[in-house]
Amino acid sequence: MTENATRATDLLRLHEAPELLTVVNVWDVISARVVTDIEGTTALATASHSIAASRGYEDGENIPVDEMIYEVGRIAAATHLPVTADLEGGYGDAAETIRKAIGVGIVGANLEDQMKPVAEAAAQVEAVVKAAEAEGVPDFVLNARTDAFLRLLGSDRDPDEVLRDAVERGKAFLDAGAPVVFVPGILSEQQVTTLVEAFGPRRLTTIGIPGNPDNAWLAEHGVARVSYGPIPQRVALTALAKLVEGIHAGGGVPEDTRPLN
């Protein structure tokens, strides 16, 4: 097996294990190295929003695909752990984008459905799975994302209808070959339970945001993984903002600052 294939298999096993996989999203080489070196870290995930922001782009596929591939490749090269990349909606050609990502060491990816028609979104998933197999990485961990609950925010849609959409889409993505389905948004315990029952245990991934069930509950109820999207970068930038505010107020560097770079 190639190194990519081995890392993909390792990443897939982490999703299938009874323990909840937590991945704290990174956005550059130094954040990847810091997270890698923390005891308990078993895999890394990139955050497309954070990578785009660090390069001066708005989120939403505004960063050129080759810049994104370059950045996730540098992250993959900076760690011995398997790396899954957030590749938004695939930048116009999801299968080709995944092929390029595998070429720089990426062994898993988030892929948004952007609420395209179900058949179209499922066909995209199938194309990505076939592309990964053709590149010699059959265990590539495609985390097929449905935006059903994100589109609920600020709308008047019935939450039960949204849940039915997420179930339908997730099952279609699993049938198309995705090993896991990502349902970002604020989910109740009952909604998580419904999704796990529909997809099967260790097939659902969620985002760790305030308002969601805690990680111990998610692990107990069959969720495969929790990631954190742009939040880790926001935490880092908040610490920077507080440092600047403190200095302007006459203070100095916090005593617990670590030399991590």
C-alpha atoms as a PDB file:
ATOM      1  CA  MET A   1       0.000   0.000   0.000  1.00  0.00           C
ATOM      2  CA  THR A   2       1.117   3.560  -0.626  1.00  0.00           C
ATOM      3  CA  GLU A   3       1.549   5.965   2.261  1.00  0.00           C
ATOM      4  CA  ASN A   4      -1.634   7.774   1.186  1.00  0.00           C
ATOM      5  CA  ALA A   5      -3.604   4.534   1.115  1.00  0.00           C
ATOM      6  CA  THR A   6      -2.310   3.546   4.550  1.00  0.00           C
ATOM      7  CA  ARG A   7      -3.168   6.916   6.072  1.00  0.00           C
ATOM      8  CA  ALA A   8      -6.644   6.786   4.521  1.00  0.00           C
ATOM      9  CA  THR A   9      -7.247   3.368   6.048  1.00  0.00           C
ATOM     10  CA  ASP A  10      -6.055   4.686   9.420  1.00  0.00           C
ATOM     11  CA  LEU A  11      -8.421   7.648   9.128  1.00  0.00           C
ATOM     12  CA  LEU A  12     -11.358   5.428   8.191  1.00  0.00           C
ATOM     13  CA  ARG A  13     -10.695   3.180  11.198  1.00  0.00           C
ATOM     14  CA  LEU A  14     -10.707   6.225  13.471  1.00  0.00           C
ATOM     15  CA  HIS A  15     -14.215   7.027  12.222  1.00  0.00           C
ATOM     16  CA  GLU A  16     -15.382   3.443  12.712  1.00  0.00           C
ATOM     17  CA  ALA A  17     -13.928   3.057  16.221  1.00  0.00           C
ATOM     18  CA  PRO A  18     -16.256   3.231  19.237  1.00  0.00           C
ATOM     19  CA  GLU A  19     -14.378   6.281  20.496  1.00  0.00           C
ATOM     20  CA  LEU A  20     -15.550   9.644  19.147  1.00  0.00           C
ATOM     21  CA  LEU A  21     -13.011  11.150  16.744  1.00  0.00           C
ATOM     22  CA  THR A  22     -12.413  14.831  17.504  1.00  0.00           C
ATOM     23  CA  VAL A  23     -10.539  16.889  14.932  1.00  0.00           C
ATOM     24  CA  VAL A  24      -9.535  20.463  15.752  1.00  0.00           C
ATOM     25  CA  ASN A  25      -9.361  22.266  12.413  1.00  0.00           C
ATOM     26  CA  VAL A  26      -6.108  23.889  11.305  1.00  0.00           C
ATOM     27  CA  TRP A  27      -5.290  26.438   8.608  1.00  0.00           C
ATOM     28  CA  ASP A  28      -1.520  26.555   8.104  1.00  0.00           C
ATOM     29  CA  VAL A  29       1.686  24.721   8.890  1.00  0.00           C
ATOM     30  CA  ILE A  30       2.245  26.128  12.377  1.00  0.00           C
ATOM     31  CA  SER A  31      -1.328  25.464  13.525  1.00  0.00           C
ATOM     32  CA  ALA A  32      -0.996  21.932  12.124  1.00  0.00           C
ATOM     33  CA  ARG A  33       2.232  21.339  14.031  1.00  0.00           C
ATOM     34  CA  VAL A  34       0.825  22.686  17.289  1.00  0.00           C
ATOM     35  CA  VAL A  35      -2.296  20.519  17.089  1.00  0.00           C
ATOM     36  CA  THR A  36      -0.277  17.459  16.011  1.00  0.00           C
ATOM     37  CA  ASP A  37       1.966  17.762  19.045  1.00  0.00           C
ATOM     38  CA  ILE A  38      -0.893  17.799  21.565  1.00  0.00           C
ATOM     39  CA  GLU A  39      -1.295  14.404  23.222  1.00  0.00           C
ATOM     40  CA  GLY A  40      -4.465  12.675  22.074  1.00  0.00           C
ATOM     41  CA  THR A  41      -4.522  14.113  18.558  1.00  0.00           C
ATOM     42  CA  THR A  42      -4.989  11.282  16.058  1.00  0.00           C
ATOM     43  CA  ALA A  43      -5.919  13.148  12.858  1.00  0.00           C
ATOM     44  CA  LEU A  44      -6.082  16.657  11.459  1.00  0.00           C
ATOM     45  CA  ALA A  45      -8.774  18.492   9.524  1.00  0.00           C
ATOM     46  CA  THR A  46      -8.332  21.709   7.601  1.00  0.00           C
ATOM     47  CA  ALA A  47     -10.896  24.522   7.610  1.00  0.00           C
ATOM     48  CA  SER A  48     -11.610  26.094   4.219  1.00  0.00           C
ATOM     49  CA  HIS A  49     -12.999  29.256   5.807  1.00  0.00           C
ATOM     50  CA  SER A  50      -9.843  29.705   7.879  1.00  0.00           C
ATOM     51  CA  ILE A  51      -7.439  28.999   5.016  1.00  0.00           C
ATOM     52  CA  ALA A  52      -9.294  31.446   2.773  1.00  0.00           C
ATOM     53  CA  ALA A  53      -9.307  34.120   5.502  1.00  0.00           C
ATOM     54  CA  SER A  54      -5.569  33.717   6.131  1.00  0.00           C
ATOM     55  CA  ARG A  55      -4.957  34.388   2.430  1.00  0.00           C
ATOM     56  CA  GLY A  56      -7.335  37.336   2.198  1.00  0.00           C
ATOM     57  CA  TYR A  57     -10.363  35.670   0.592  1.00  0.00           C
ATOM     58  CA  GLU A  58     -13.992  35.479   1.632  1.00  0.00           C
ATOM     59  CA  ASP A  59     -15.340  31.997   2.309  1.00  0.00           C
ATOM     60  CA  GLY A  60     -17.384  30.272  -0.375  1.00  0.00           C
ATOM     61  CA  GLU A  61     -14.938  29.047  -3.054  1.00  0.00           C
ATOM     62  CA  ASN A  62     -13.472  32.516  -3.605  1.00  0.00           C
ATOM     63  CA  ILE A  63      -9.952  31.218  -3.056  1.00  0.00           C
ATOM     64  CA  PRO A  64      -8.565  29.721  -6.289  1.00  0.00           C
ATOM     65  CA  VAL A  65      -8.559  25.934  -6.113  1.00  0.00           C
ATOM     66  CA  ASP A  66      -4.812  25.694  -6.736  1.00  0.00           C
ATOM     67  CA  GLU A  67      -4.118  27.955  -3.751  1.00  0.00           C
ATOM     68  CA  MET A  68      -6.323  25.782  -1.570  1.00  0.00           C
ATOM     69  CA  ILE A  69      -4.614  22.616  -2.771  1.00  0.00           C
ATOM     70  CA  TYR A  70      -1.199  24.180  -2.150  1.00  0.00           C
ATOM     71  CA  GLU A  71      -2.129  25.077   1.439  1.00  0.00           C
ATOM     72  CA  VAL A  72      -3.661  21.713   2.349  1.00  0.00           C
ATOM     73  CA  GLY A  73      -0.622  20.017   0.824  1.00  0.00           C
ATOM     74  CA  ARG A  74       1.732  22.017   3.038  1.00  0.00           C
ATOM     75  CA  ILE A  75      -0.363  21.021   6.048  1.00  0.00           C
ATOM     76  CA  ALA A  76      -0.277  17.334   5.071  1.00  0.00           C
ATOM     77  CA  ALA A  77       3.500  17.533   4.680  1.00  0.00           C
ATOM     78  CA  ALA A  78       3.874  19.083   8.150  1.00  0.00           C
ATOM     79  CA  THR A  79       2.385  16.157  10.100  1.00  0.00           C
ATOM     80  CA  HIS A  80       2.689  12.384  10.376  1.00  0.00           C
ATOM     81  CA  LEU A  81      -1.061  12.128  11.002  1.00  0.00           C
ATOM     82  CA  PRO A  82      -3.787  11.572   8.395  1.00  0.00           C
ATOM     83  CA  VAL A  83      -5.282  14.833   7.116  1.00  0.00           C
ATOM     84  CA  THR A  84      -8.802  15.423   5.865  1.00  0.00           C
ATOM     85  CA  ALA A  85      -9.378  18.667   3.968  1.00  0.00           C
ATOM     86  CA  ASP A  86     -12.414  20.899   3.727  1.00  0.00           C
ATOM     87  CA  LEU A  87     -12.752  21.396  -0.026  1.00  0.00           C
ATOM     88  CA  GLU A  88     -16.081  23.272   0.014  1.00  0.00           C
ATOM     89  CA  GLY A  89     -18.271  22.210  -2.921  1.00  0.00           C
ATOM     90  CA  GLY A  90     -15.383  20.924  -5.029  1.00  0.00           C
ATOM     91  CA  TYR A  91     -14.526  24.155  -6.891  1.00  0.00           C
ATOM     92  CA  GLY A  92     -16.489  23.301 -10.008  1.00  0.00           C
ATOM     93  CA  ASP A  93     -15.027  19.828 -10.541  1.00  0.00           C
ATOM     94  CA  ALA A  94     -15.139  17.842  -7.323  1.00  0.00           C
ATOM     95  CA  ALA A  95     -13.559  14.675  -8.706  1.00  0.00           C
ATOM     96  CA  GLU A  96     -10.597  16.559 -10.164  1.00  0.00           C
ATOM     97  CA  THR A  97     -10.176  18.587  -6.976  1.00  0.00           C
ATOM     98  CA  ILE A  98     -10.092  15.408  -4.909  1.00  0.00           C
ATOM     99  CA  ARG A  99      -7.561  13.912  -7.320  1.00  0.00           C
ATOM    100  CA  LYS A 100      -5.319  16.954  -6.856  1.00  0.00           C
ATOM    101  CA  ALA A 101      -5.752  16.797  -3.074  1.00  0.00           C
ATOM    102  CA  ILE A 102      -4.739  13.145  -2.959  1.00  0.00           C
ATOM    103  CA  GLY A 103      -1.686  14.111  -4.983  1.00  0.00           C
ATOM    104  CA  VAL A 104      -0.501  16.376  -2.149  1.00  0.00           C
ATOM    105  CA  GLY A 105      -1.170  13.870   0.637  1.00  0.00           C
ATOM    106  CA  ILE A 106      -4.812  14.438   1.608  1.00  0.00           C
ATOM    107  CA  VAL A 107      -6.694  11.249   2.559  1.00  0.00           C
ATOM    108  CA  GLY A 108     -10.181  12.553   3.375  1.00  0.00           C
ATOM    109  CA  ALA A 109     -12.349  15.531   2.507  1.00  0.00           C
ATOM    110  CA  ASN A 110     -15.516  17.434   3.283  1.00  0.00           C
ATOM    111  CA  LEU A 111     -17.666  18.005   0.225  1.00  0.00           C
ATOM    112  CA  GLU A 112     -20.715  20.291   0.422  1.00  0.00           C
ATOM    113  CA  ASP A 113     -23.931  19.417  -1.395  1.00  0.00           C
ATOM    114  CA  GLN A 114     -24.896  23.133  -1.467  1.00  0.00           C
ATOM    115  CA  MET A 115     -28.488  21.819  -1.599  1.00  0.00           C
ATOM    116  CA  LYS A 116     -28.212  20.779  -5.216  1.00  0.00           C
ATOM    117  CA  PRO A 117     -30.864  18.305  -6.377  1.00  0.00           C
ATOM    118  CA  VAL A 118     -30.314  15.039  -4.522  1.00  0.00           C
ATOM    119  CA  ALA A 119     -29.503  13.018  -7.632  1.00  0.00           C
ATOM    120  CA  GLU A 120     -26.924  15.586  -8.767  1.00  0.00           C
ATOM    121  CA  ALA A 121     -25.297  15.767  -5.344  1.00  0.00           C
ATOM    122  CA  ALA A 122     -25.183  11.971  -5.043  1.00  0.00           C
ATOM    123  CA  ALA A 123     -23.651  11.685  -8.520  1.00  0.00           C
ATOM    124  CA  GLN A 124     -20.926  14.079  -7.399  1.00  0.00           C
ATOM    125  CA  VAL A 125     -20.226  11.885  -4.381  1.00  0.00           C
ATOM    126  CA  GLU A 126     -20.019   8.802  -6.606  1.00  0.00           C
ATOM    127  CA  ALA A 127     -17.605  10.570  -8.966  1.00  0.00           C
ATOM    128  CA  VAL A 128     -15.345  11.531  -6.067  1.00  0.00           C
ATOM    129  CA  VAL A 129     -15.334   7.998  -4.661  1.00  0.00           C
ATOM    130  CA  LYS A 130     -14.374   6.609  -8.087  1.00  0.00           C
ATOM    131  CA  ALA A 131     -11.648   9.244  -8.489  1.00  0.00           C
ATOM    132  CA  ALA A 132     -10.126   8.285  -5.128  1.00  0.00           C
ATOM    133  CA  GLU A 133     -10.190   4.594  -6.066  1.00  0.00           C
ATOM    134  CA  ALA A 134      -8.505   5.396  -9.374  1.00  0.00           C
ATOM    135  CA  GLU A 135      -5.764   7.227  -7.461  1.00  0.00           C
ATOM    136  CA  GLY A 136      -5.103   4.112  -5.386  1.00  0.00           C
ATOM    137  CA  VAL A 137      -6.846   5.329  -2.209  1.00  0.00           C
ATOM    138  CA  PRO A 138      -9.994   3.191  -1.889  1.00  0.00           C
ATOM    139  CA  ASP A 139     -10.456   4.056   1.794  1.00  0.00           C
ATOM    140  CA  PHE A 140     -10.477   7.813   1.114  1.00  0.00           C
ATOM    141  CA  VAL A 141     -12.764   9.251   3.805  1.00  0.00           C
ATOM    142  CA  LEU A 142     -15.269  11.380   1.951  1.00  0.00           C
ATOM    143  CA  ASN A 143     -17.278  13.279   4.567  1.00  0.00           C
ATOM    144  CA  ALA A 144     -20.284  14.085   2.378  1.00  0.00           C
ATOM    145  CA  ARG A 145     -21.858  17.231   3.758  1.00  0.00           C
ATOM    146  CA  THR A 146     -25.465  18.287   3.520  1.00  0.00           C
ATOM    147  CA  ASP A 147     -26.273  21.934   4.136  1.00  0.00           C
ATOM    148  CA  ALA A 148     -29.893  21.212   5.068  1.00  0.00           C
ATOM    149  CA  PHE A 149     -29.645  22.534   8.627  1.00  0.00           C
ATOM    150  CA  LEU A 150     -27.428  25.484   7.672  1.00  0.00           C
ATOM    151  CA  ARG A 151     -30.120  26.606   5.227  1.00  0.00           C
ATOM    152  CA  LEU A 152     -32.658  26.414   8.072  1.00  0.00           C
ATOM    153  CA  LEU A 153     -31.057  29.382   9.827  1.00  0.00           C
ATOM    154  CA  GLY A 154     -33.203  32.482   9.363  1.00  0.00           C
ATOM    155  CA  SER A 155     -35.834  30.570   7.399  1.00  0.00           C
ATOM    156  CA  ASP A 156     -39.382  29.599   8.246  1.00  0.00           C
ATOM    157  CA  ARG A 157     -38.987  25.954   7.196  1.00  0.00           C
ATOM    158  CA  ASP A 158     -40.397  23.272   9.457  1.00  0.00           C
ATOM    159  CA  PRO A 159     -37.471  21.658  11.352  1.00  0.00           C
ATOM    160  CA  ASP A 160     -39.049  18.230  10.834  1.00  0.00           C
ATOM    161  CA  GLU A 161     -39.019  18.817   7.077  1.00  0.00           C
ATOM    162  CA  VAL A 162     -35.374  19.872   7.268  1.00  0.00           C
ATOM    163  CA  LEU A 163     -34.526  16.715   9.199  1.00  0.00           C
ATOM    164  CA  ARG A 164     -36.256  14.606   6.535  1.00  0.00           C
ATOM    165  CA  ASP A 165     -34.168  16.395   3.886  1.00  0.00           C
ATOM    166  CA  ALA A 166     -30.953  15.671   5.799  1.00  0.00           C
ATOM    167  CA  VAL A 167     -31.879  12.008   6.183  1.00  0.00           C
ATOM    168  CA  GLU A 168     -32.759  11.630   2.496  1.00  0.00           C
ATOM    169  CA  ARG A 169     -29.587  13.338   1.350  1.00  0.00           C
ATOM    170  CA  GLY A 170     -27.320  11.544   3.777  1.00  0.00           C
ATOM    171  CA  LYS A 171     -28.680   8.127   2.824  1.00  0.00           C
ATOM    172  CA  ALA A 172     -28.228   8.964  -0.864  1.00  0.00           C
ATOM    173  CA  PHE A 173     -24.601   9.939  -0.206  1.00  0.00           C
ATOM    174  CA  LEU A 174     -23.929   6.731   1.710  1.00  0.00           C
ATOM    175  CA  ASP A 175     -25.503   4.720  -1.106  1.00  0.00           C
ATOM    176  CA  ALA A 176     -23.177   6.559  -3.521  1.00  0.00           C
ATOM    177  CA  GLY A 177     -20.149   5.349  -1.576  1.00  0.00           C
ATOM    178  CA  ALA A 178     -19.403   8.003   1.059  1.00  0.00           C
ATOM    179  CA  PRO A 179     -18.352   6.377   4.346  1.00  0.00           C
ATOM    180  CA  VAL A 180     -19.656   9.236   6.515  1.00  0.00           C
ATOM    181  CA  VAL A 181     -22.092  12.138   6.275  1.00  0.00           C
ATOM    182  CA  PHE A 182     -21.524  15.602   7.754  1.00  0.00           C
ATOM    183  CA  VAL A 183     -24.588  17.468   9.037  1.00  0.00           C
ATOM    184  CA  PRO A 184     -23.364  20.846  10.326  1.00  0.00           C
ATOM    185  CA  GLY A 185     -25.716  23.046  12.317  1.00  0.00           C
ATOM    186  CA  ILE A 186     -27.316  23.130  15.748  1.00  0.00           C
ATOM    187  CA  LEU A 187     -28.862  19.709  16.333  1.00  0.00           C
ATOM    188  CA  SER A 188     -30.994  18.515  19.213  1.00  0.00           C
ATOM    189  CA  GLU A 189     -30.353  15.163  20.863  1.00  0.00           C
ATOM    190  CA  GLN A 190     -33.457  13.771  19.165  1.00  0.00           C
ATOM    191  CA  GLN A 191     -32.293  14.997  15.754  1.00  0.00           C
ATOM    192  CA  VAL A 192     -28.886  13.395  16.254  1.00  0.00           C
ATOM    193  CA  THR A 193     -30.564  10.161  17.325  1.00  0.00           C
ATOM    194  CA  THR A 194     -32.758  10.184  14.217  1.00  0.00           C
ATOM    195  CA  LEU A 195     -29.758  10.768  11.943  1.00  0.00           C
ATOM    196  CA  VAL A 196     -27.712   7.984  13.554  1.00  0.00           C
ATOM    197  CA  GLU A 197     -30.652   5.575  13.264  1.00  0.00           C
ATOM    198  CA  ALA A 198     -31.054   6.505   9.576  1.00  0.00           C
ATOM    199  CA  PHE A 199     -27.374   6.305   8.634  1.00  0.00           C
ATOM    200  CA  GLY A 200     -26.160   3.634  11.030  1.00  0.00           C
ATOM    201  CA  PRO A 201     -23.662   3.967  13.902  1.00  0.00           C
ATOM    202  CA  ARG A 202     -20.393   5.796  13.227  1.00  0.00           C
ATOM    203  CA  ARG A 203     -21.641   7.257   9.960  1.00  0.00           C
ATOM    204  CA  LEU A 204     -22.662  10.743  11.174  1.00  0.00           C
ATOM    205  CA  THR A 205     -20.253  13.626  11.762  1.00  0.00           C
ATOM    206  CA  THR A 206     -21.208  16.909  13.397  1.00  0.00           C
ATOM    207  CA  ILE A 207     -19.701  20.280  14.257  1.00  0.00           C
ATOM    208  CA  GLY A 208     -18.736  21.282  17.793  1.00  0.00           C
ATOM    209  CA  ILE A 209     -20.566  24.556  18.314  1.00  0.00           C
ATOM    210  CA  PRO A 210     -22.405  25.972  21.347  1.00  0.00           C
ATOM    211  CA  GLY A 211     -25.888  24.501  21.553  1.00  0.00           C
ATOM    212  CA  ASN A 212     -25.002  21.014  20.347  1.00  0.00           C
ATOM    213  CA  PRO A 213     -24.906  17.923  22.609  1.00  0.00           C
ATOM    214  CA  ASP A 214     -21.589  17.434  24.368  1.00  0.00           C
ATOM    215  CA  ASN A 215     -18.979  15.052  23.064  1.00  0.00           C
ATOM    216  CA  ALA A 216     -19.550  12.389  25.714  1.00  0.00           C
ATOM    217  CA  TRP A 217     -23.225  12.154  24.729  1.00  0.00           C
ATOM    218  CA  LEU A 218     -22.363  12.065  21.009  1.00  0.00           C
ATOM    219  CA  ALA A 219     -19.875   9.230  21.559  1.00  0.00           C
ATOM    220  CA  GLU A 220     -22.412   7.245  23.552  1.00  0.00           C
ATOM    221  CA  HIS A 221     -25.052   7.667  20.839  1.00  0.00           C
ATOM    222  CA  GLY A 222     -23.063   6.503  17.816  1.00  0.00           C
ATOM    223  CA  VAL A 223     -21.660   9.695  16.272  1.00  0.00           C
ATOM    224  CA  ALA A 224     -18.390   9.130  14.402  1.00  0.00           C
ATOM    225  CA  ARG A 225     -16.670  12.496  14.539  1.00  0.00           C
ATOM    226  CA  VAL A 226     -16.843  16.093  15.701  1.00  0.00           C
ATOM    227  CA  SER A 227     -14.937  18.883  13.953  1.00  0.00           C
ATOM    228  CA  TYR A 228     -14.778  22.591  14.710  1.00  0.00           C
ATOM    229  CA  GLY A 229     -14.625  24.454  11.396  1.00  0.00           C
ATOM    230  CA  PRO A 230     -13.398  28.052  11.643  1.00  0.00           C
ATOM    231  CA  ILE A 231     -13.784  28.196  15.431  1.00  0.00           C
ATOM    232  CA  PRO A 232     -10.155  27.302  16.329  1.00  0.00           C
ATOM    233  CA  GLN A 233      -8.883  30.172  14.181  1.00  0.00           C
ATOM    234  CA  ARG A 234     -11.411  32.485  15.828  1.00  0.00           C
ATOM    235  CA  VAL A 235     -10.149  31.379  19.234  1.00  0.00           C
ATOM    236  CA  ALA A 236      -6.578  32.161  18.163  1.00  0.00           C
ATOM    237  CA  LEU A 237      -7.553  35.543  16.722  1.00  0.00           C
ATOM    238  CA  THR A 238      -9.521  36.349  19.865  1.00  0.00           C
ATOM    239  CA  ALA A 239      -6.385  35.717  21.925  1.00  0.00           C
ATOM    240  CA  LEU A 240      -4.466  38.061  19.593  1.00  0.00           C
ATOM    241  CA  ALA A 241      -7.136  40.748  19.896  1.00  0.00           C
ATOM    242  CA  LYS A 242      -7.085  40.461  23.694  1.00  0.00           C
ATOM    243  CA  LEU A 243      -3.284  40.767  23.702  1.00  0.00           C
ATOM    244  CA  VAL A 244      -3.468  43.964  21.644  1.00  0.00           C
ATOM    245  CA  GLU A 245      -6.244  45.381  23.839  1.00  0.00           C
ATOM    246  CA  GLY A 246      -4.236  44.581  26.955  1.00  0.00           C
ATOM    247  CA  ILE A 247      -1.084  46.207  25.583  1.00  0.00           C
ATOM    248  CA  HIS A 248      -3.025  49.324  24.608  1.00  0.00           C
ATOM    249  CA  ALA A 249      -4.365  49.398  28.181  1.00  0.00           C
ATOM    250  CA  GLY A 250      -0.839  49.277  29.613  1.00  0.00           C
ATOM    251  CA  GLY A 251      -0.493  45.547  30.104  1.00  0.00           C
ATOM    252  CA  GLY A 252       1.925  43.022  28.650  1.00  0.00           C
ATOM    253  CA  VAL A 253       2.257  39.486  27.379  1.00  0.00           C
ATOM    254  CA  PRO A 254       0.268  36.859  29.349  1.00  0.00           C
ATOM    255  CA  GLU A 255       2.491  34.854  31.673  1.00  0.00           C
ATOM    256  CA  ASP A 256       1.133  31.527  30.408  1.00  0.00           C
ATOM    257  CA  THR A 257       2.235  32.198  26.803  1.00  0.00           C
ATOM    258  CA  ARG A 258       4.017  29.181  25.335  1.00  0.00           C
ATOM    259  CA  PRO A 259       6.861  29.259  22.754  1.00  0.00           C
ATOM    260  CA  LEU A 260       4.991  27.105  20.233  1.00  0.00           C
ATOM    261  CA  ASN A 261       6.607  28.548  17.120  1.00  0.00           C
END
